[in-house]
Amino acid sequence: AGDSKNNPPKGAADFTAQVIVLNHPGQISNGYTPELDCHTAHIACKFAEIKEKCDRRTGKTTEANPKSIK
């Protein structure tokens, strides 16, 4: 978050995010480019690397560096 008048947020070349997939018809792999919504901004972000797949109940890693996720 930032102060839009005195210290506005800056763009980022890359970032690491935890993504929760709720409903997707196919597989997601490196290079996938969804459109992300953040407040009023809409921007395409490319998944450069999927670092791990986690169990949705325990949060524990089930697979490191998976080729894709469903």
PDB file of N, CA and C in Angstrom:
ATOM      1  N   ALA A   1       0.837  -1.183   0.000  1.00  0.00           N
ATOM      2  CA  ALA A   1       0.000   0.000   0.000  1.00  0.00           C
ATOM      3  C   ALA A   1       0.874   1.234   0.000  1.00  0.00           C
ATOM      4  N   GLY A   2       0.334   2.315  -0.475  1.00  0.00           N
ATOM      5  CA  GLY A   2       1.096   3.552  -0.521  1.00  0.00           C
ATOM      6  C   GLY A   2       0.185   4.759  -0.428  1.00  0.00           C
ATOM      7  N   ASP A   3       0.781   5.884  -0.258  1.00  0.00           N
ATOM      8  CA  ASP A   3       0.076   7.159  -0.211  1.00  0.00           C
ATOM      9  C   ASP A   3       0.117   7.737  -1.621  1.00  0.00           C
ATOM     10  N   SER A   4      -1.020   7.806  -2.295  1.00  0.00           N
ATOM     11  CA  SER A   4      -1.050   8.202  -3.700  1.00  0.00           C
ATOM     12  C   SER A   4      -0.520   9.604  -3.963  1.00  0.00           C
ATOM     13  N   LYS A   5      -0.538  10.476  -2.974  1.00  0.00           N
ATOM     14  CA  LYS A   5      -0.052  11.844  -3.181  1.00  0.00           C
ATOM     15  C   LYS A   5       1.405  12.017  -2.780  1.00  0.00           C
ATOM     16  N   ASN A   6       1.810  11.443  -1.660  1.00  0.00           N
ATOM     17  CA  ASN A   6       3.160  11.675  -1.149  1.00  0.00           C
ATOM     18  C   ASN A   6       4.155  10.554  -1.461  1.00  0.00           C
ATOM     19  N   ASN A   7       3.677   9.330  -1.566  1.00  0.00           N
ATOM     20  CA  ASN A   7       4.566   8.194  -1.797  1.00  0.00           C
ATOM     21  C   ASN A   7       3.797   7.094  -2.535  1.00  0.00           C
ATOM     22  N   PRO A   8       3.491   7.309  -3.834  1.00  0.00           N
ATOM     23  CA  PRO A   8       2.679   6.333  -4.556  1.00  0.00           C
ATOM     24  C   PRO A   8       3.428   5.017  -4.775  1.00  0.00           C
ATOM     25  N   PRO A   9       2.695   3.902  -4.851  1.00  0.00           N
ATOM     26  CA  PRO A   9       3.337   2.611  -5.118  1.00  0.00           C
ATOM     27  C   PRO A   9       4.030   2.634  -6.476  1.00  0.00           C
ATOM     28  N   LYS A  10       5.107   1.871  -6.589  1.00  0.00           N
ATOM     29  CA  LYS A  10       5.858   1.788  -7.840  1.00  0.00           C
ATOM     30  C   LYS A  10       5.597   0.435  -8.495  1.00  0.00           C
ATOM     31  N   GLY A  11       5.789   0.378  -9.791  1.00  0.00           N
ATOM     32  CA  GLY A  11       5.646  -0.875 -10.522  1.00  0.00           C
ATOM     33  C   GLY A  11       6.750  -1.844 -10.138  1.00  0.00           C
ATOM     34  N   ALA A  12       6.509  -3.117 -10.368  1.00  0.00           N
ATOM     35  CA  ALA A  12       7.505  -4.150 -10.063  1.00  0.00           C
ATOM     36  C   ALA A  12       7.769  -4.982 -11.311  1.00  0.00           C
ATOM     37  N   ALA A  13       9.029  -5.287 -11.554  1.00  0.00           N
ATOM     38  CA  ALA A  13       9.387  -6.136 -12.690  1.00  0.00           C
ATOM     39  C   ALA A  13       8.973  -7.580 -12.423  1.00  0.00           C
ATOM     40  N   ASP A  14       9.076  -8.011 -11.165  1.00  0.00           N
ATOM     41  CA  ASP A  14       8.646  -9.352 -10.790  1.00  0.00           C
ATOM     42  C   ASP A  14       8.314  -9.393  -9.306  1.00  0.00           C
ATOM     43  N   PHE A  15       7.594 -10.430  -8.912  1.00  0.00           N
ATOM     44  CA  PHE A  15       7.242 -10.612  -7.507  1.00  0.00           C
ATOM     45  C   PHE A  15       6.899 -12.080  -7.283  1.00  0.00           C
ATOM     46  N   THR A  16       6.924 -12.501  -6.040  1.00  0.00           N
ATOM     47  CA  THR A  16       6.545 -13.860  -5.663  1.00  0.00           C
ATOM     48  C   THR A  16       5.181 -13.794  -4.987  1.00  0.00           C
ATOM     49  N   ALA A  17       4.273 -14.679  -5.399  1.00  0.00           N
ATOM     50  CA  ALA A  17       2.917 -14.664  -4.851  1.00  0.00           C
ATOM     51  C   ALA A  17       2.449 -16.072  -4.531  1.00  0.00           C
ATOM     52  N   GLN A  18       1.598 -16.182  -3.520  1.00  0.00           N
ATOM     53  CA  GLN A  18       0.898 -17.434  -3.255  1.00  0.00           C
ATOM     54  C   GLN A  18      -0.445 -17.317  -3.963  1.00  0.00           C
ATOM     55  N   VAL A  19      -0.717 -18.235  -4.877  1.00  0.00           N
ATOM     56  CA  VAL A  19      -1.927 -18.186  -5.691  1.00  0.00           C
ATOM     57  C   VAL A  19      -2.823 -19.359  -5.313  1.00  0.00           C
ATOM     58  N   ILE A  20      -4.090 -19.077  -5.068  1.00  0.00           N
ATOM     59  CA  ILE A  20      -5.068 -20.120  -4.778  1.00  0.00           C
ATOM     60  C   ILE A  20      -5.971 -20.243  -6.002  1.00  0.00           C
ATOM     61  N   VAL A  21      -5.954 -21.406  -6.631  1.00  0.00           N
ATOM     62  CA  VAL A  21      -6.759 -21.641  -7.828  1.00  0.00           C
ATOM     63  C   VAL A  21      -8.105 -22.196  -7.377  1.00  0.00           C
ATOM     64  N   LEU A  22      -9.168 -21.449  -7.626  1.00  0.00           N
ATOM     65  CA  LEU A  22     -10.505 -21.867  -7.203  1.00  0.00           C
ATOM     66  C   LEU A  22     -11.232 -22.654  -8.282  1.00  0.00           C
ATOM     67  N   ASN A  23     -11.198 -22.165  -9.504  1.00  0.00           N
ATOM     68  CA  ASN A  23     -11.935 -22.808 -10.585  1.00  0.00           C
ATOM     69  C   ASN A  23     -11.233 -22.491 -11.892  1.00  0.00           C
ATOM     70  N   HIS A  24     -10.561 -23.485 -12.453  1.00  0.00           N
ATOM     71  CA  HIS A  24      -9.849 -23.283 -13.717  1.00  0.00           C
ATOM     72  C   HIS A  24     -10.078 -24.513 -14.583  1.00  0.00           C
ATOM     73  N   PRO A  25     -10.444 -24.335 -15.854  1.00  0.00           N
ATOM     74  CA  PRO A  25     -10.812 -25.480 -16.694  1.00  0.00           C
ATOM     75  C   PRO A  25      -9.654 -26.390 -17.120  1.00  0.00           C
ATOM     76  N   GLY A  26      -8.422 -25.918 -17.053  1.00  0.00           N
ATOM     77  CA  GLY A  26      -7.311 -26.742 -17.534  1.00  0.00           C
ATOM     78  C   GLY A  26      -6.132 -26.716 -16.598  1.00  0.00           C
ATOM     79  N   GLN A  27      -4.961 -27.034 -17.154  1.00  0.00           N
ATOM     80  CA  GLN A  27      -3.737 -27.016 -16.369  1.00  0.00           C
ATOM     81  C   GLN A  27      -3.075 -25.651 -16.458  1.00  0.00           C
ATOM     82  N   ILE A  28      -2.360 -25.299 -15.410  1.00  0.00           N
ATOM     83  CA  ILE A  28      -1.596 -24.055 -15.367  1.00  0.00           C
ATOM     84  C   ILE A  28      -0.129 -24.448 -15.272  1.00  0.00           C
ATOM     85  N   SER A  29       0.686 -23.905 -16.171  1.00  0.00           N
ATOM     86  CA  SER A  29       2.109 -24.231 -16.166  1.00  0.00           C
ATOM     87  C   SER A  29       2.920 -22.948 -16.313  1.00  0.00           C
ATOM     88  N   ASN A  30       4.238 -23.079 -16.214  1.00  0.00           N
ATOM     89  CA  ASN A  30       5.113 -21.918 -16.386  1.00  0.00           C
ATOM     90  C   ASN A  30       4.801 -21.251 -17.726  1.00  0.00           C
ATOM     91  N   GLY A  31       4.757 -19.936 -17.736  1.00  0.00           N
ATOM     92  CA  GLY A  31       4.440 -19.183 -18.943  1.00  0.00           C
ATOM     93  C   GLY A  31       2.978 -18.778 -19.041  1.00  0.00           C
ATOM     94  N   TYR A  32       2.118 -19.350 -18.211  1.00  0.00           N
ATOM     95  CA  TYR A  32       0.698 -18.983 -18.202  1.00  0.00           C
ATOM     96  C   TYR A  32       0.579 -17.506 -17.845  1.00  0.00           C
ATOM     97  N   THR A  33      -0.306 -16.780 -18.533  1.00  0.00           N
ATOM     98  CA  THR A  33      -0.420 -15.335 -18.337  1.00  0.00           C
ATOM     99  C   THR A  33      -1.869 -14.936 -18.067  1.00  0.00           C
ATOM    100  N   PRO A  34      -2.306 -15.010 -16.805  1.00  0.00           N
ATOM    101  CA  PRO A  34      -3.661 -14.570 -16.478  1.00  0.00           C
ATOM    102  C   PRO A  34      -3.713 -13.054 -16.285  1.00  0.00           C
ATOM    103  N   GLU A  35      -4.916 -12.510 -16.291  1.00  0.00           N
ATOM    104  CA  GLU A  35      -5.096 -11.098 -15.961  1.00  0.00           C
ATOM    105  C   GLU A  35      -5.429 -11.010 -14.476  1.00  0.00           C
ATOM    106  N   LEU A  36      -4.642 -10.244 -13.747  1.00  0.00           N
ATOM    107  CA  LEU A  36      -4.865 -10.064 -12.316  1.00  0.00           C
ATOM    108  C   LEU A  36      -5.588  -8.752 -12.065  1.00  0.00           C
ATOM    109  N   ASP A  37      -6.459  -8.749 -11.081  1.00  0.00           N
ATOM    110  CA  ASP A  37      -7.190  -7.553 -10.680  1.00  0.00           C
ATOM    111  C   ASP A  37      -6.744  -7.155  -9.286  1.00  0.00           C
ATOM    112  N   CYS A  38      -6.334  -5.912  -9.145  1.00  0.00           N
ATOM    113  CA  CYS A  38      -5.930  -5.378  -7.849  1.00  0.00           C
ATOM    114  C   CYS A  38      -6.593  -4.012  -7.706  1.00  0.00           C
ATOM    115  N   HIS A  39      -7.609  -3.948  -6.874  1.00  0.00           N
ATOM    116  CA  HIS A  39      -8.436  -2.744  -6.739  1.00  0.00           C
ATOM    117  C   HIS A  39      -8.995  -2.399  -8.115  1.00  0.00           C
ATOM    118  N   THR A  40      -8.636  -1.287  -8.716  1.00  0.00           N
ATOM    119  CA  THR A  40      -9.176  -0.914 -10.023  1.00  0.00           C
ATOM    120  C   THR A  40      -8.222  -1.223 -11.165  1.00  0.00           C
ATOM    121  N   ALA A  41      -7.071  -1.793 -10.874  1.00  0.00           N
ATOM    122  CA  ALA A  41      -6.087  -2.114 -11.913  1.00  0.00           C
ATOM    123  C   ALA A  41      -6.310  -3.530 -12.451  1.00  0.00           C
ATOM    124  N   HIS A  42      -6.106  -3.701 -13.743  1.00  0.00           N
ATOM    125  CA  HIS A  42      -6.180  -5.000 -14.411  1.00  0.00           C
ATOM    126  C   HIS A  42      -4.891  -5.144 -15.216  1.00  0.00           C
ATOM    127  N   ILE A  43      -4.104  -6.166 -14.925  1.00  0.00           N
ATOM    128  CA  ILE A  43      -2.823  -6.316 -15.615  1.00  0.00           C
ATOM    129  C   ILE A  43      -2.505  -7.788 -15.845  1.00  0.00           C
ATOM    130  N   ALA A  44      -1.924  -8.088 -17.000  1.00  0.00           N
ATOM    131  CA  ALA A  44      -1.489  -9.452 -17.296  1.00  0.00           C
ATOM    132  C   ALA A  44      -0.182  -9.721 -16.563  1.00  0.00           C
ATOM    133  N   CYS A  45      -0.117 -10.856 -15.887  1.00  0.00           N
ATOM    134  CA  CYS A  45       1.099 -11.269 -15.166  1.00  0.00           C
ATOM    135  C   CYS A  45       1.458 -12.679 -15.596  1.00  0.00           C
ATOM    136  N   LYS A  46       2.697 -12.867 -15.975  1.00  0.00           N
ATOM    137  CA  LYS A  46       3.168 -14.170 -16.443  1.00  0.00           C
ATOM    138  C   LYS A  46       3.731 -14.993 -15.293  1.00  0.00           C
ATOM    139  N   PHE A  47       3.314 -16.254 -15.196  1.00  0.00           N
ATOM    140  CA  PHE A  47       3.878 -17.172 -14.208  1.00  0.00           C
ATOM    141  C   PHE A  47       5.222 -17.644 -14.747  1.00  0.00           C
ATOM    142  N   ALA A  48       6.303 -17.090 -14.245  1.00  0.00           N
ATOM    143  CA  ALA A  48       7.639 -17.466 -14.711  1.00  0.00           C
ATOM    144  C   ALA A  48       8.039 -18.826 -14.161  1.00  0.00           C
ATOM    145  N   GLU A  49       7.675 -19.100 -12.913  1.00  0.00           N
ATOM    146  CA  GLU A  49       8.087 -20.343 -12.259  1.00  0.00           C
ATOM    147  C   GLU A  49       7.066 -20.733 -11.196  1.00  0.00           C
ATOM    148  N   ILE A  50       6.587 -21.967 -11.269  1.00  0.00           N
ATOM    149  CA  ILE A  50       5.741 -22.497 -10.202  1.00  0.00           C
ATOM    150  C   ILE A  50       6.681 -23.193  -9.232  1.00  0.00           C
ATOM    151  N   LYS A  51       6.804 -22.638  -8.044  1.00  0.00           N
ATOM    152  CA  LYS A  51       7.803 -23.126  -7.090  1.00  0.00           C
ATOM    153  C   LYS A  51       7.371 -24.363  -6.328  1.00  0.00           C
ATOM    154  N   GLU A  52       6.074 -24.444  -5.987  1.00  0.00           N
ATOM    155  CA  GLU A  52       5.616 -25.620  -5.247  1.00  0.00           C
ATOM    156  C   GLU A  52       4.105 -25.751  -5.341  1.00  0.00           C
ATOM    157  N   LYS A  53       3.650 -26.960  -5.106  1.00  0.00           N
ATOM    158  CA  LYS A  53       2.223 -27.250  -5.026  1.00  0.00           C
ATOM    159  C   LYS A  53       1.951 -27.651  -3.584  1.00  0.00           C
ATOM    160  N   CYS A  54       0.898 -27.085  -2.992  1.00  0.00           N
ATOM    161  CA  CYS A  54       0.600 -27.321  -1.574  1.00  0.00           C
ATOM    162  C   CYS A  54      -0.738 -28.026  -1.404  1.00  0.00           C
ATOM    163  N   ASP A  55      -0.846 -28.778  -0.332  1.00  0.00           N
ATOM    164  CA  ASP A  55      -2.108 -29.396   0.049  1.00  0.00           C
ATOM    165  C   ASP A  55      -3.039 -28.302   0.556  1.00  0.00           C
ATOM    166  N   ARG A  56      -4.244 -28.249   0.032  1.00  0.00           N
ATOM    167  CA  ARG A  56      -5.155 -27.154   0.400  1.00  0.00           C
ATOM    168  C   ARG A  56      -5.621 -27.216   1.846  1.00  0.00           C
ATOM    169  N   ARG A  57      -5.587 -28.393   2.462  1.00  0.00           N
ATOM    170  CA  ARG A  57      -6.037 -28.507   3.854  1.00  0.00           C
ATOM    171  C   ARG A  57      -4.923 -28.239   4.853  1.00  0.00           C
ATOM    172  N   THR A  58      -3.742 -28.799   4.591  1.00  0.00           N
ATOM    173  CA  THR A  58      -2.649 -28.684   5.561  1.00  0.00           C
ATOM    174  C   THR A  58      -1.697 -27.536   5.261  1.00  0.00           C
ATOM    175  N   GLY A  59      -1.645 -27.107   3.991  1.00  0.00           N
ATOM    176  CA  GLY A  59      -0.706 -26.059   3.603  1.00  0.00           C
ATOM    177  C   GLY A  59       0.709 -26.572   3.392  1.00  0.00           C
ATOM    178  N   LYS A  60       0.903 -27.878   3.537  1.00  0.00           N
ATOM    179  CA  LYS A  60       2.239 -28.459   3.372  1.00  0.00           C
ATOM    180  C   LYS A  60       2.535 -28.709   1.896  1.00  0.00           C
ATOM    181  N   THR A  61       3.802 -28.582   1.527  1.00  0.00           N
ATOM    182  CA  THR A  61       4.231 -28.798   0.151  1.00  0.00           C
ATOM    183  C   THR A  61       4.034 -30.258  -0.239  1.00  0.00           C
ATOM    184  N   THR A  62       3.343 -30.483  -1.367  1.00  0.00           N
ATOM    185  CA  THR A  62       3.147 -31.838  -1.872  1.00  0.00           C
ATOM    186  C   THR A  62       4.065 -32.131  -3.054  1.00  0.00           C
ATOM    187  N   GLU A  63       4.526 -31.067  -3.734  1.00  0.00           N
ATOM    188  CA  GLU A  63       5.425 -31.237  -4.877  1.00  0.00           C
ATOM    189  C   GLU A  63       6.230 -29.959  -5.069  1.00  0.00           C
ATOM    190  N   ALA A  64       7.537 -30.110  -5.197  1.00  0.00           N
ATOM    191  CA  ALA A  64       8.408 -28.962  -5.464  1.00  0.00           C
ATOM    192  C   ALA A  64       8.616 -28.840  -6.972  1.00  0.00           C
ATOM    193  N   ASN A  65       8.615 -27.614  -7.469  1.00  0.00           N
ATOM    194  CA  ASN A  65       8.827 -27.315  -8.891  1.00  0.00           C
ATOM    195  C   ASN A  65       7.977 -28.177  -9.830  1.00  0.00           C
ATOM    196  N   PRO A  66       6.651 -28.196  -9.646  1.00  0.00           N
ATOM    197  CA  PRO A  66       5.812 -29.009 -10.531  1.00  0.00           C
ATOM    198  C   PRO A  66       5.791 -28.436 -11.947  1.00  0.00           C
ATOM    199  N   LYS A  67       5.633 -29.312 -12.939  1.00  0.00           N
ATOM    200  CA  LYS A  67       5.548 -28.848 -14.328  1.00  0.00           C
ATOM    201  C   LYS A  67       4.243 -28.084 -14.545  1.00  0.00           C
ATOM    202  N   SER A  68       3.187 -28.528 -13.868  1.00  0.00           N
ATOM    203  CA  SER A  68       1.893 -27.856 -13.990  1.00  0.00           C
ATOM    204  C   SER A  68       1.064 -28.136 -12.746  1.00  0.00           C
ATOM    205  N   ILE A  69      -0.012 -27.367 -12.605  1.00  0.00           N
ATOM    206  CA  ILE A  69      -0.985 -27.591 -11.539  1.00  0.00           C
ATOM    207  C   ILE A  69      -2.365 -27.618 -12.165  1.00  0.00           C
ATOM    208  N   LYS A  70      -3.292 -28.309 -11.513  1.00  0.00           N
ATOM    209  CA  LYS A  70      -4.666 -28.403 -12.025  1.00  0.00           C
ATOM    210  C   LYS A  70      -5.587 -27.598 -11.157  1.00  0.00           C
TER     211      LYS A  70
END
